C-alpha atoms as a PDB file:
ATOM      1  CA  MET A   1       2.374   5.756 -32.919  1.00  0.00           C
ATOM      2  CA  ILE A   2       2.864   6.779 -29.127  1.00  0.00           C
ATOM      3  CA  LYS A   3       3.055  10.773 -28.826  1.00  0.00           C
ATOM      4  CA  ILE A   4       4.896  12.051 -25.873  1.00  0.00           C
ATOM      5  CA  ALA A   5       5.041  15.879 -24.183  1.00  0.00           C
ATOM      6  CA  VAL A   6       7.601  16.531 -21.689  1.00  0.00           C
ATOM      7  CA  VAL A   7       7.466  19.052 -19.252  1.00  0.00           C
ATOM      8  CA  GLY A   8      10.279  20.738 -17.125  1.00  0.00           C
ATOM      9  CA  THR A   9      13.258  20.220 -19.691  1.00  0.00           C
ATOM     10  CA  GLY A  10      15.985  20.704 -17.395  1.00  0.00           C
ATOM     11  CA  GLY A  11      19.185  17.680 -16.768  1.00  0.00           C
ATOM     12  CA  MET A  12      16.903  14.767 -16.266  1.00  0.00           C
ATOM     13  CA  ALA A  13      14.561  15.568 -18.911  1.00  0.00           C
ATOM     14  CA  HIS A  14      17.378  14.755 -21.523  1.00  0.00           C
ATOM     15  CA  GLN A  15      17.463  11.365 -20.059  1.00  0.00           C
ATOM     16  CA  HIS A  16      13.537  10.844 -20.611  1.00  0.00           C
ATOM     17  CA  ALA A  17      14.239  12.080 -24.137  1.00  0.00           C
ATOM     18  CA  LYS A  18      17.072   9.713 -24.655  1.00  0.00           C
ATOM     19  CA  GLU A  19      15.231   6.792 -23.398  1.00  0.00           C
ATOM     20  CA  PHE A  20      11.732   7.269 -25.204  1.00  0.00           C
ATOM     21  CA  SER A  21      13.385   8.019 -28.621  1.00  0.00           C
ATOM     22  CA  ALA A  22      15.035   4.451 -28.389  1.00  0.00           C
ATOM     23  CA  ILE A  23      11.683   2.863 -28.266  1.00  0.00           C
ATOM     24  CA  ARG A  24      10.230   1.824 -31.285  1.00  0.00           C
ATOM     25  CA  GLY A  25       6.891   3.308 -32.171  1.00  0.00           C
ATOM     26  CA  THR A  26       7.095   6.355 -29.470  1.00  0.00           C
ATOM     27  CA  LYS A  27       7.472   9.785 -30.796  1.00  0.00           C
ATOM     28  CA  LEU A  28       8.314  13.048 -28.715  1.00  0.00           C
ATOM     29  CA  VAL A  29       6.206  15.767 -29.781  1.00  0.00           C
ATOM     30  CA  ALA A  30       6.442  18.489 -27.360  1.00  0.00           C
ATOM     31  CA  ALA A  31       8.482  20.187 -24.704  1.00  0.00           C
ATOM     32  CA  CYS A  32       7.363  22.920 -22.272  1.00  0.00           C
ATOM     33  CA  ASP A  33       9.279  24.536 -19.673  1.00  0.00           C
ATOM     34  CA  ILE A  34       8.472  28.021 -18.035  1.00  0.00           C
ATOM     35  CA  VAL A  35      11.955  29.195 -19.453  1.00  0.00           C
ATOM     36  CA  ARG A  36      11.370  29.489 -22.953  1.00  0.00           C
ATOM     37  CA  GLU A  37      15.153  29.652 -23.539  1.00  0.00           C
ATOM     38  CA  ARG A  38      15.697  26.172 -21.967  1.00  0.00           C
ATOM     39  CA  ALA A  39      12.772  24.561 -23.544  1.00  0.00           C
ATOM     40  CA  ASP A  40      13.707  25.871 -27.103  1.00  0.00           C
ATOM     41  CA  ALA A  41      17.294  24.529 -26.364  1.00  0.00           C
ATOM     42  CA  PHE A  42      15.886  21.180 -25.334  1.00  0.00           C
ATOM     43  CA  ALA A  43      13.655  20.994 -28.501  1.00  0.00           C
ATOM     44  CA  SER A  44      16.513  21.855 -31.012  1.00  0.00           C
ATOM     45  CA  LYS A  45      18.762  19.019 -29.426  1.00  0.00           C
ATOM     46  CA  HIS A  46      15.747  16.484 -29.482  1.00  0.00           C
ATOM     47  CA  GLY A  47      14.425  17.112 -32.945  1.00  0.00           C
ATOM     48  CA  ILE A  48      10.723  18.484 -31.261  1.00  0.00           C
ATOM     49  CA  HIS A  49       8.708  20.348 -33.113  1.00  0.00           C
ATOM     50  CA  GLU A  50       6.523  21.802 -30.853  1.00  0.00           C
ATOM     51  CA  VAL A  51       7.673  24.233 -27.924  1.00  0.00           C
ATOM     52  CA  TYR A  52       5.463  25.844 -24.954  1.00  0.00           C
ATOM     53  CA  ASP A  53       6.279  27.732 -21.955  1.00  0.00           C
ATOM     54  CA  ASP A  54       2.862  27.390 -20.473  1.00  0.00           C
ATOM     55  CA  VAL A  55       1.452  23.573 -19.141  1.00  0.00           C
ATOM     56  CA  ASP A  56      -1.982  24.798 -19.939  1.00  0.00           C
ATOM     57  CA  GLU A  57      -0.988  25.930 -23.461  1.00  0.00           C
ATOM     58  CA  LEU A  58       0.577  22.536 -24.382  1.00  0.00           C
ATOM     59  CA  LEU A  59      -2.591  21.074 -23.347  1.00  0.00           C
ATOM     60  CA  ALA A  60      -4.934  22.757 -24.895  1.00  0.00           C
ATOM     61  CA  GLN A  61      -3.246  23.062 -28.440  1.00  0.00           C
ATOM     62  CA  SER A  62      -0.871  19.970 -28.532  1.00  0.00           C
ATOM     63  CA  GLU A  63      -1.895  16.654 -29.777  1.00  0.00           C
ATOM     64  CA  PHE A  64      -0.319  13.720 -27.352  1.00  0.00           C
ATOM     65  CA  ASP A  65      -1.142  10.448 -25.643  1.00  0.00           C
ATOM     66  CA  ALA A  66       1.128  10.942 -22.583  1.00  0.00           C
ATOM     67  CA  VAL A  67       3.307  13.220 -20.684  1.00  0.00           C
ATOM     68  CA  SER A  68       6.771  12.981 -18.996  1.00  0.00           C
ATOM     69  CA  VAL A  69       6.450  15.258 -15.830  1.00  0.00           C
ATOM     70  CA  VAL A  70      10.431  16.547 -15.313  1.00  0.00           C
ATOM     71  CA  THR A  71       9.388  19.637 -13.262  1.00  0.00           C
ATOM     72  CA  THR A  72      10.925  20.605  -9.667  1.00  0.00           C
ATOM     73  CA  ASP A  73       9.226  18.403  -6.837  1.00  0.00           C
ATOM     74  CA  ASP A  74       6.483  20.648  -6.326  1.00  0.00           C
ATOM     75  CA  ALA A  75       5.316  21.614  -9.504  1.00  0.00           C
ATOM     76  CA  HIS A  76       4.845  17.709  -9.903  1.00  0.00           C
ATOM     77  CA  ALA A  77       0.993  17.468  -8.407  1.00  0.00           C
ATOM     78  CA  PRO A  78      -0.243  20.383 -10.046  1.00  0.00           C
ATOM     79  CA  VAL A  79       1.176  19.636 -13.920  1.00  0.00           C
ATOM     80  CA  SER A  80      -0.074  15.756 -13.268  1.00  0.00           C
ATOM     81  CA  LEU A  81      -3.301  16.682 -12.328  1.00  0.00           C
ATOM     82  CA  LYS A  82      -3.707  19.226 -15.324  1.00  0.00           C
ATOM     83  CA  ALA A  83      -2.391  16.175 -17.458  1.00  0.00           C
ATOM     84  CA  ILE A  84      -4.891  13.842 -15.808  1.00  0.00           C
ATOM     85  CA  ALA A  85      -7.839  15.493 -16.379  1.00  0.00           C
ATOM     86  CA  LYS A  86      -7.229  15.734 -20.023  1.00  0.00           C
ATOM     87  CA  GLY A  87      -6.793  12.422 -19.705  1.00  0.00           C
ATOM     88  CA  LYS A  88      -3.313  11.958 -20.464  1.00  0.00           C
ATOM     89  CA  HIS A  89      -1.297   9.305 -19.527  1.00  0.00           C
ATOM     90  CA  VAL A  90       1.670  10.584 -16.710  1.00  0.00           C
ATOM     91  CA  LEU A  91       5.065   9.461 -15.814  1.00  0.00           C
ATOM     92  CA  CYS A  92       5.961  11.817 -12.890  1.00  0.00           C
ATOM     93  CA  GLU A  93       9.198  12.104 -11.706  1.00  0.00           C
ATOM     94  CA  LYS A  94      10.251  11.111  -8.268  1.00  0.00           C
ATOM     95  CA  PRO A  95       9.199  12.183  -5.255  1.00  0.00           C
ATOM     96  CA  LEU A  96       5.462  12.348  -6.769  1.00  0.00           C
ATOM     97  CA  ALA A  97       5.038  14.791  -4.609  1.00  0.00           C
ATOM     98  CA  THR A  98       5.804  17.333  -2.072  1.00  0.00           C
ATOM     99  CA  ASN A  99       3.473  15.376   0.675  1.00  0.00           C
ATOM    100  CA  TYR A 100       1.209  12.508   0.985  1.00  0.00           C
ATOM    101  CA  ILE A 101      -2.298  14.379   1.026  1.00  0.00           C
ATOM    102  CA  GLU A 102      -0.697  15.770  -2.982  1.00  0.00           C
ATOM    103  CA  ALA A 103       0.556  12.068  -3.488  1.00  0.00           C
ATOM    104  CA  LYS A 104      -3.010  10.570  -2.848  1.00  0.00           C
ATOM    105  CA  SER A 105      -4.793  12.791  -4.714  1.00  0.00           C
ATOM    106  CA  MET A 106      -2.760  12.091  -8.099  1.00  0.00           C
ATOM    107  CA  ALA A 107      -3.024   8.515  -7.331  1.00  0.00           C
ATOM    108  CA  ASP A 108      -6.719   8.886  -6.655  1.00  0.00           C
ATOM    109  CA  ALA A 109      -6.971  11.131  -9.727  1.00  0.00           C
ATOM    110  CA  ALA A 110      -5.393   8.465 -12.019  1.00  0.00           C
ATOM    111  CA  ARG A 111      -7.482   5.770 -10.888  1.00  0.00           C
ATOM    112  CA  GLN A 112     -10.858   7.217 -11.412  1.00  0.00           C
ATOM    113  CA  ALA A 113      -9.692   8.735 -14.747  1.00  0.00           C
ATOM    114  CA  GLY A 114      -8.367   5.429 -15.564  1.00  0.00           C
ATOM    115  CA  VAL A 115      -4.921   6.740 -17.316  1.00  0.00           C
ATOM    116  CA  ILE A 116      -1.542   4.954 -17.201  1.00  0.00           C
ATOM    117  CA  ASN A 117       0.516   6.214 -13.947  1.00  0.00           C
ATOM    118  CA  MET A 118       3.821   5.176 -13.263  1.00  0.00           C
ATOM    119  CA  VAL A 119       6.320   7.366 -10.844  1.00  0.00           C
ATOM    120  CA  ASN A 120      10.334   7.221 -11.641  1.00  0.00           C
ATOM    121  CA  LEU A 121      11.857   5.174  -9.338  1.00  0.00           C
ATOM    122  CA  SER A 122      14.851   4.297 -11.271  1.00  0.00           C
ATOM    123  CA  TYR A 123      16.474   2.169  -9.386  1.00  0.00           C
ATOM    124  CA  ARG A 124      13.809  -0.310 -10.337  1.00  0.00           C
ATOM    125  CA  ASN A 125      15.313  -0.814 -13.421  1.00  0.00           C
ATOM    126  CA  ALA A 126      17.937  -3.104 -11.686  1.00  0.00           C
ATOM    127  CA  ALA A 127      17.768  -6.624 -12.445  1.00  0.00           C
ATOM    128  CA  ALA A 128      19.326  -7.676  -9.025  1.00  0.00           C
ATOM    129  CA  ILE A 129      16.460  -5.592  -6.834  1.00  0.00           C
ATOM    130  CA  GLN A 130      13.673  -7.449  -8.982  1.00  0.00           C
ATOM    131  CA  LYS A 131      15.298 -10.448  -7.992  1.00  0.00           C
ATOM    132  CA  ALA A 132      15.451  -9.625  -4.323  1.00  0.00           C
ATOM    133  CA  HIS A 133      12.112  -8.792  -3.899  1.00  0.00           C
ATOM    134  CA  GLN A 134      11.066 -12.338  -5.598  1.00  0.00           C
ATOM    135  CA  LEU A 135      13.711 -14.028  -2.895  1.00  0.00           C
ATOM    136  CA  VAL A 136      12.132 -12.569   0.154  1.00  0.00           C
ATOM    137  CA  GLN A 137       8.773 -13.221  -1.006  1.00  0.00           C
ATOM    138  CA  GLN A 138       9.389 -16.836  -2.086  1.00  0.00           C
ATOM    139  CA  GLY A 139      10.831 -16.607   1.697  1.00  0.00           C
ATOM    140  CA  VAL A 140      14.475 -18.044   0.515  1.00  0.00           C
ATOM    141  CA  ILE A 141      16.134 -16.158   3.287  1.00  0.00           C
ATOM    142  CA  GLY A 142      13.446 -17.137   5.772  1.00  0.00           C
ATOM    143  CA  LYS A 143      11.985 -14.420   7.872  1.00  0.00           C
ATOM    144  CA  VAL A 144      13.565 -10.684   7.753  1.00  0.00           C
ATOM    145  CA  MET A 145      15.159  -9.897  10.824  1.00  0.00           C
ATOM    146  CA  HIS A 146      17.423  -6.824  10.180  1.00  0.00           C
ATOM    147  CA  ILE A 147      18.021  -4.273   7.506  1.00  0.00           C
ATOM    148  CA  GLU A 148      20.822  -2.343   6.481  1.00  0.00           C
ATOM    149  CA  ALA A 149      20.308   0.370   3.172  1.00  0.00           C
ATOM    150  CA  SER A 150      22.168   3.448   1.900  1.00  0.00           C
ATOM    151  CA  TYR A 151      21.918   5.760  -0.927  1.00  0.00           C
ATOM    152  CA  LEU A 152      25.391   8.203  -0.658  1.00  0.00           C
ATOM    153  CA  GLN A 153      26.525  10.840  -3.419  1.00  0.00           C
ATOM    154  CA  GLY A 154      29.402  13.378  -2.532  1.00  0.00           C
ATOM    155  CA  TRP A 155      28.468  16.036  -4.948  1.00  0.00           C
ATOM    156  CA  LEU A 156      28.826  18.846  -1.895  1.00  0.00           C
ATOM    157  CA  SER A 157      32.159  18.168  -1.461  1.00  0.00           C
ATOM    158  CA  SER A 158      33.551  17.514  -4.989  1.00  0.00           C
ATOM    159  CA  THR A 159      33.171  18.509  -8.358  1.00  0.00           C
ATOM    160  CA  TYR A 160      32.318  15.036 -10.200  1.00  0.00           C
ATOM    161  CA  TRP A 161      29.200  16.682 -11.829  1.00  0.00           C
ATOM    162  CA  GLY A 162      30.500  20.184 -12.252  1.00  0.00           C
ATOM    163  CA  ASP A 163      30.526  23.026  -9.196  1.00  0.00           C
ATOM    164  CA  TRP A 164      27.189  23.068  -7.775  1.00  0.00           C
ATOM    165  CA  ARG A 165      28.138  26.859  -6.249  1.00  0.00           C
ATOM    166  CA  SER A 166      28.484  27.978 -10.343  1.00  0.00           C
ATOM    167  CA  GLY A 167      25.422  28.238 -11.706  1.00  0.00           C
ATOM    168  CA  THR A 168      21.463  27.782 -10.674  1.00  0.00           C
ATOM    169  CA  GLY A 169      21.119  24.384 -12.083  1.00  0.00           C
ATOM    170  CA  MET A 170      21.619  22.314  -8.747  1.00  0.00           C
ATOM    171  CA  LEU A 171      20.599  25.006  -6.249  1.00  0.00           C
ATOM    172  CA  TRP A 172      17.091  24.195  -6.372  1.00  0.00           C
ATOM    173  CA  ARG A 173      17.972  20.893  -4.662  1.00  0.00           C
ATOM    174  CA  LEU A 174      19.355  22.796  -1.990  1.00  0.00           C
ATOM    175  CA  SER A 175      16.283  25.048  -1.533  1.00  0.00           C
ATOM    176  CA  THR A 176      12.778  24.656   0.257  1.00  0.00           C
ATOM    177  CA  ALA A 177      11.575  27.699  -1.122  1.00  0.00           C
ATOM    178  CA  HIS A 178      12.507  26.269  -4.712  1.00  0.00           C
ATOM    179  CA  GLY A 179      10.609  23.307  -4.040  1.00  0.00           C
ATOM    180  CA  SER A 180      13.033  20.884  -2.462  1.00  0.00           C
ATOM    181  CA  LEU A 181      12.694  18.299   0.198  1.00  0.00           C
ATOM    182  CA  GLY A 182      15.982  18.121   0.638  1.00  0.00           C
ATOM    183  CA  VAL A 183      18.169  14.974   0.227  1.00  0.00           C
ATOM    184  CA  LEU A 184      15.495  12.889   1.679  1.00  0.00           C
ATOM    185  CA  GLY A 185      13.276  14.289  -1.110  1.00  0.00           C
ATOM    186  CA  ASP A 186      15.969  13.678  -3.944  1.00  0.00           C
ATOM    187  CA  ILE A 187      17.786  10.261  -3.325  1.00  0.00           C
ATOM    188  CA  GLY A 188      15.988   9.160   0.338  1.00  0.00           C
ATOM    189  CA  VAL A 189      13.119   8.474  -1.818  1.00  0.00           C
ATOM    190  CA  HIS A 190      14.882   6.302  -3.880  1.00  0.00           C
ATOM    191  CA  ILE A 191      16.650   4.119  -0.941  1.00  0.00           C
ATOM    192  CA  ILE A 192      12.940   3.897   1.331  1.00  0.00           C
ATOM    193  CA  ASP A 193      11.422   2.588  -2.414  1.00  0.00           C
ATOM    194  CA  PHE A 194      14.686   0.523  -2.855  1.00  0.00           C
ATOM    195  CA  THR A 195      14.517  -1.061   0.472  1.00  0.00           C
ATOM    196  CA  THR A 196      10.675  -1.828   1.127  1.00  0.00           C
ATOM    197  CA  TYR A 197      10.133  -2.950  -2.293  1.00  0.00           C
ATOM    198  CA  ALA A 198      12.906  -5.826  -1.410  1.00  0.00           C
ATOM    199  CA  ALA A 199      11.785  -6.072   2.270  1.00  0.00           C
ATOM    200  CA  GLY A 200       8.521  -5.227   2.584  1.00  0.00           C
ATOM    201  CA  ASP A 201       6.267  -2.287   4.528  1.00  0.00           C
ATOM    202  CA  ILE A 202       7.911   0.075   7.236  1.00  0.00           C
ATOM    203  CA  GLN A 203       5.566   0.133  10.176  1.00  0.00           C
ATOM    204  CA  SER A 204       7.298   3.294  12.294  1.00  0.00           C
ATOM    205  CA  VAL A 205      10.114   5.427  11.849  1.00  0.00           C
ATOM    206  CA  ASN A 206      12.848   7.254  13.546  1.00  0.00           C
ATOM    207  CA  CYS A 207      14.916  10.197  11.782  1.00  0.00           C
ATOM    208  CA  ARG A 208      17.192  12.788  11.828  1.00  0.00           C
ATOM    209  CA  LEU A 209      17.411  15.381   9.323  1.00  0.00           C
ATOM    210  CA  LYS A 210      20.532  17.773   9.222  1.00  0.00           C
ATOM    211  CA  THR A 211      21.252  20.552   7.280  1.00  0.00           C
ATOM    212  CA  PHE A 212      25.389  21.603   6.993  1.00  0.00           C
ATOM    213  CA  PRO A 213      26.160  24.913   6.436  1.00  0.00           C
ATOM    214  CA  LYS A 214      27.417  25.445   3.010  1.00  0.00           C
ATOM    215  CA  VAL A 215      28.585  28.794   1.985  1.00  0.00           C
ATOM    216  CA  GLU A 216      28.738  31.659   4.012  1.00  0.00           C
ATOM    217  CA  GLY A 217      25.172  33.112   4.853  1.00  0.00           C
ATOM    218  CA  ASP A 218      23.763  29.951   3.202  1.00  0.00           C
ATOM    219  CA  ARG A 219      22.422  31.915   0.552  1.00  0.00           C
ATOM    220  CA  LEU A 220      23.706  32.222  -3.367  1.00  0.00           C
ATOM    221  CA  GLY A 221      21.529  34.741  -5.081  1.00  0.00           C
ATOM    222  CA  ASP A 222      17.792  34.031  -4.709  1.00  0.00           C
ATOM    223  CA  TYR A 223      18.556  30.302  -3.258  1.00  0.00           C
ATOM    224  CA  VAL A 224      18.381  30.025   0.354  1.00  0.00           C
ATOM    225  CA  LEU A 225      19.931  26.715   1.213  1.00  0.00           C
ATOM    226  CA  ASP A 226      18.017  25.303   3.924  1.00  0.00           C
ATOM    227  CA  ALA A 227      17.324  21.993   2.624  1.00  0.00           C
ATOM    228  CA  ASN A 228      18.315  18.822   4.610  1.00  0.00           C
ATOM    229  CA  ASP A 229      21.718  17.185   3.321  1.00  0.00           C
ATOM    230  CA  SER A 230      21.987  13.999   5.602  1.00  0.00           C
ATOM    231  CA  ALA A 231      19.246  11.751   6.764  1.00  0.00           C
ATOM    232  CA  VAL A 232      19.348   8.819   8.661  1.00  0.00           C
ATOM    233  CA  ILE A 233      16.541   6.884   9.665  1.00  0.00           C
ATOM    234  CA  THR A 234      15.717   3.961  11.751  1.00  0.00           C
ATOM    235  CA  ILE A 235      12.812   1.514  10.759  1.00  0.00           C
ATOM    236  CA  GLU A 236      10.650  -0.787  12.720  1.00  0.00           C
ATOM    237  CA  MET A 237       9.433  -3.273   9.717  1.00  0.00           C
ATOM    238  CA  ILE A 238       5.367  -4.675   9.683  1.00  0.00           C
ATOM    239  CA  GLY A 239       7.109  -8.035  10.019  1.00  0.00           C
ATOM    240  CA  GLY A 240       9.072  -6.830  13.194  1.00  0.00           C
ATOM    241  CA  ALA A 241      12.421  -6.511  11.484  1.00  0.00           C
ATOM    242  CA  ILE A 242      14.433  -3.339  12.185  1.00  0.00           C
ATOM    243  CA  GLY A 243      17.195  -1.486  10.892  1.00  0.00           C
ATOM    244  CA  THR A 244      18.835   1.822   9.217  1.00  0.00           C
ATOM    245  CA  ILE A 245      18.587   3.579   6.089  1.00  0.00           C
ATOM    246  CA  HIS A 246      20.884   6.424   5.377  1.00  0.00           C
ATOM    247  CA  THR A 247      21.452   8.819   2.795  1.00  0.00           C
ATOM    248  CA  SER A 248      23.941  11.648   2.033  1.00  0.00           C
ATOM    249  CA  ARG A 249      25.110  14.280  -0.302  1.00  0.00           C
ATOM    250  CA  TRP A 250      28.494  15.158   1.887  1.00  0.00           C
ATOM    251  CA  ALA A 251      29.697  11.214   1.480  1.00  0.00           C
ATOM    252  CA  THR A 252      32.898  12.197   0.259  1.00  0.00           C
ATOM    253  CA  GLY A 253      34.216   9.706  -2.567  1.00  0.00           C
ATOM    254  CA  GLN A 254      31.053   8.428  -3.139  1.00  0.00           C
ATOM    255  CA  ARG A 255      29.727   9.275  -6.713  1.00  0.00           C
ATOM    256  CA  ASN A 256      26.391   7.783  -6.678  1.00  0.00           C
ATOM    257  CA  SER A 257      26.121   4.405  -4.481  1.00  0.00           C
ATOM    258  CA  LEU A 258      23.360   2.376  -3.608  1.00  0.00           C
ATOM    259  CA  ARG A 259      23.487  -0.547  -1.064  1.00  0.00           C
ATOM    260  CA  LEU A 260      20.757  -2.769   0.889  1.00  0.00           C
ATOM    261  CA  ARG A 261      21.350  -5.950   2.986  1.00  0.00           C
ATOM    262  CA  ILE A 262      18.664  -8.041   3.987  1.00  0.00           C
ATOM    263  CA  TYR A 263      19.642 -10.439   6.958  1.00  0.00           C
ATOM    264  CA  GLY A 264      16.759 -12.925   7.470  1.00  0.00           C
ATOM    265  CA  ASP A 265      17.004 -16.123   9.976  1.00  0.00           C
ATOM    266  CA  GLU A 266      17.831 -18.787   7.291  1.00  0.00           C
ATOM    267  CA  GLY A 267      20.142 -16.427   4.746  1.00  0.00           C
ATOM    268  CA  ALA A 268      21.138 -12.880   4.020  1.00  0.00           C
ATOM    269  CA  LEU A 269      21.464 -11.303   0.645  1.00  0.00           C
ATOM    270  CA  VAL A 270      23.461  -8.028  -0.871  1.00  0.00           C
ATOM    271  CA  VAL A 271      22.157  -5.436  -3.515  1.00  0.00           C
ATOM    272  CA  ASP A 272      25.106  -3.403  -4.245  1.00  0.00           C
ATOM    273  CA  LEU A 273      24.813  -0.972  -7.408  1.00  0.00           C
ATOM    274  CA  ASP A 274      28.234  -0.021  -7.389  1.00  0.00           C
ATOM    275  CA  GLN A 275      29.336  -3.272  -7.965  1.00  0.00           C
ATOM    276  CA  SER A 276      26.806  -5.128 -10.528  1.00  0.00           C
ATOM    277  CA  TRP A 277      22.676  -3.946 -11.130  1.00  0.00           C
ATOM    278  CA  ASN A 278      22.434  -7.379 -12.773  1.00  0.00           C
ATOM    279  CA  SER A 279      23.658  -9.776 -10.002  1.00  0.00           C
ATOM    280  CA  LEU A 280      23.685 -10.192  -6.115  1.00  0.00           C
ATOM    281  CA  GLN A 281      25.484 -11.664  -3.569  1.00  0.00           C
ATOM    282  CA  ILE A 282      23.402 -14.306  -1.108  1.00  0.00           C
ATOM    283  CA  CYS A 283      24.416 -16.827   1.540  1.00  0.00           C
ATOM    284  CA  ARG A 284      21.753 -19.457   2.577  1.00  0.00           C
ATOM    285  CA  GLY A 285      21.548 -23.108   2.992  1.00  0.00           C
ATOM    286  CA  LYS A 286      25.167 -24.804   4.447  1.00  0.00           C
ATOM    287  CA  ASP A 287      27.181 -21.336   3.223  1.00  0.00           C
ATOM    288  CA  VAL A 288      25.394 -19.834   6.201  1.00  0.00           C
ATOM    289  CA  ASP A 289      27.195 -21.882   8.675  1.00  0.00           C
ATOM    290  CA  LYS A 290      30.558 -20.926   6.789  1.00  0.00           C
ATOM    291  CA  ALA A 291      29.648 -17.142   6.123  1.00  0.00           C
ATOM    292  CA  VAL A 292      30.075 -17.808   2.431  1.00  0.00           C
ATOM    293  CA  TRP A 293      28.649 -15.572   0.414  1.00  0.00           C
ATOM    294  CA  LYS A 294      27.962 -16.307  -3.281  1.00  0.00           C
ATOM    295  CA  THR A 295      27.249 -14.387  -6.669  1.00  0.00           C
ATOM    296  CA  LEU A 296      23.432 -14.805  -7.867  1.00  0.00           C
ATOM    297  CA  ALA A 297      23.331 -13.865 -11.850  1.00  0.00           C
ATOM    298  CA  CYS A 298      19.646 -12.028 -12.022  1.00  0.00           C
ATOM    299  CA  GLY A 299      19.129 -11.335 -15.512  1.00  0.00           C
ATOM    300  CA  LYS A 300      18.166  -8.253 -16.833  1.00  0.00           C
ATOM    301  CA  THR A 301      15.002  -5.841 -16.698  1.00  0.00           C
ATOM    302  CA  PRO A 302      12.780  -3.610 -18.579  1.00  0.00           C
ATOM    303  CA  ASN A 303      13.612  -0.133 -17.564  1.00  0.00           C
ATOM    304  CA  ILE A 304      10.872   2.177 -16.634  1.00  0.00           C
ATOM    305  CA  TYR A 305      10.325   4.103 -19.503  1.00  0.00           C
ATOM    306  CA  GLN A 306      10.089   1.008 -21.618  1.00  0.00           C
ATOM    307  CA  ARG A 307       7.405  -0.407 -19.170  1.00  0.00           C
ATOM    308  CA  PHE A 308       5.393   2.658 -19.341  1.00  0.00           C
ATOM    309  CA  ILE A 309       4.947   2.801 -23.085  1.00  0.00           C
ATOM    310  CA  LYS A 310       4.061  -1.012 -22.656  1.00  0.00           C
ATOM    311  CA  SER A 311       1.485  -0.248 -20.131  1.00  0.00           C
ATOM    312  CA  ILE A 312      -0.291   2.195 -22.588  1.00  0.00           C
ATOM    313  CA  ARG A 313      -0.426  -0.111 -25.544  1.00  0.00           C
ATOM    314  CA  THR A 314      -1.630  -3.099 -23.135  1.00  0.00           C
ATOM    315  CA  GLY A 315      -3.950  -0.855 -20.861  1.00  0.00           C
ATOM    316  CA  GLU A 316      -2.115  -2.590 -17.798  1.00  0.00           C
ATOM    317  CA  ASN A 317      -0.568  -0.766 -15.667  1.00  0.00           C
ATOM    318  CA  ASP A 318       2.727  -1.555 -14.436  1.00  0.00           C
ATOM    319  CA  GLN A 319       4.623  -0.738 -11.237  1.00  0.00           C
ATOM    320  CA  PRO A 320       5.575   1.460  -9.477  1.00  0.00           C
ATOM    321  CA  ASP A 321       2.621   3.273 -10.052  1.00  0.00           C
ATOM    322  CA  PHE A 322       1.281   6.513  -8.183  1.00  0.00           C
ATOM    323  CA  GLY A 323      -0.132   4.562  -5.638  1.00  0.00           C
ATOM    324  CA  ARG A 324       3.320   3.274  -4.502  1.00  0.00           C
ATOM    325  CA  GLY A 325       4.446   6.840  -5.350  1.00  0.00           C
ATOM    326  CA  ALA A 326       2.355   7.948  -2.539  1.00  0.00           C
ATOM    327  CA  THR A 327       3.208   5.098   0.113  1.00  0.00           C
ATOM    328  CA  VAL A 328       6.886   6.248  -0.382  1.00  0.00           C
ATOM    329  CA  GLN A 329       5.828   9.549   0.330  1.00  0.00           C
ATOM    330  CA  LYS A 330       3.917   8.804   3.684  1.00  0.00           C
ATOM    331  CA  VAL A 331       6.937   7.233   5.117  1.00  0.00           C
ATOM    332  CA  MET A 332       8.637  10.475   4.242  1.00  0.00           C
ATOM    333  CA  ASP A 333       6.192  12.877   5.642  1.00  0.00           C
ATOM    334  CA  ALA A 334       6.503  10.300   9.018  1.00  0.00           C
ATOM    335  CA  CYS A 335      10.351  11.215   8.712  1.00  0.00           C
ATOM    336  CA  ILE A 336       9.750  14.758   8.325  1.00  0.00           C
ATOM    337  CA  GLU A 337       7.345  14.830  11.348  1.00  0.00           C
ATOM    338  CA  SER A 338       9.807  12.584  13.291  1.00  0.00           C
ATOM    339  CA  ASN A 339      12.619  14.986  12.928  1.00  0.00           C
ATOM    340  CA  LEU A 340      10.724  17.663  14.165  1.00  0.00           C
ATOM    341  CA  LYS A 341       9.108  15.457  17.155  1.00  0.00           C
ATOM    342  CA  GLY A 342      12.423  13.602  18.162  1.00  0.00           C
ATOM    343  CA  HIS A 343      10.481  10.262  18.570  1.00  0.00           C
ATOM    344  CA  TYR A 344       9.558   7.082  16.523  1.00  0.00           C
ATOM    345  CA  VAL A 345       6.465   8.010  14.259  1.00  0.00           C
ATOM    346  CA  ALA A 346       3.946   5.048  12.896  1.00  0.00           C
ATOM    347  CA  ILE A 347       3.413   5.053   9.254  1.00  0.00           C
END
């Protein structure tokens, strides 16, 4: 039996609990949150008997094998490092940290401790992106020439996830003082990983970040709403391709939309998760001259929770690990630097 503790019991933690509870031979044994009432409610809902409001007490008193870190972004590094020091396997929410130095320290610590470590870049769960990675690696579309990628949400202009102005559940995502890197750190991290996993590594970025006025005085209670809302990133790949990645919370009419288009000199492919997680569109061979696209079934792939548990059982660390999380963090750091300096920044 693999015993799991969950640190941070807000909205996303419920998904972690649901997924781990569905895996045979896995048990949720402890919940921890700095807000005790929230931890109590979470534990009651998921049948967890041990509840803590201090991670040091959790690590000192509870017996478990692995920790799921679902805190605000700024707590990812300190919580994960404490768990690693106790020899615990760690699945950490994204972004891995708030900067590359922190992320690298986490990757280094996990490697030295020999614990399983993974970062929850959850769109790796799409079989379509796994297939896209394979096809590009095999040279099926030739040399990658151009890329267009987007991750769009519209919750700032709608209420499909509730009214973000009422209550504090979403406000931390809009406030740098509460540990947010804005849309760049919240969902930009996903589309950067999504893009580079399939198309290859980025060499340099030119990024523009924008924070729009949302309420009078840009403040609600203790939350100063200063985190970036939209990001547009021009990229150049190590292989020479160029392209754009853009992401926003102001994409009115878009609930949660990820799309990646990769154009090679012998073909092209499109992964659009609004259309399918298990198939992609491809144009290659004789279809190139007629601009004909065909649907390619991609099968299924285990989700990250299943791969994390399998990694613990086999001792073979699956991807995306903390090293990968640090690589993506380095790209985000370059985006922030580029926005400040107004020019391209090398990775």
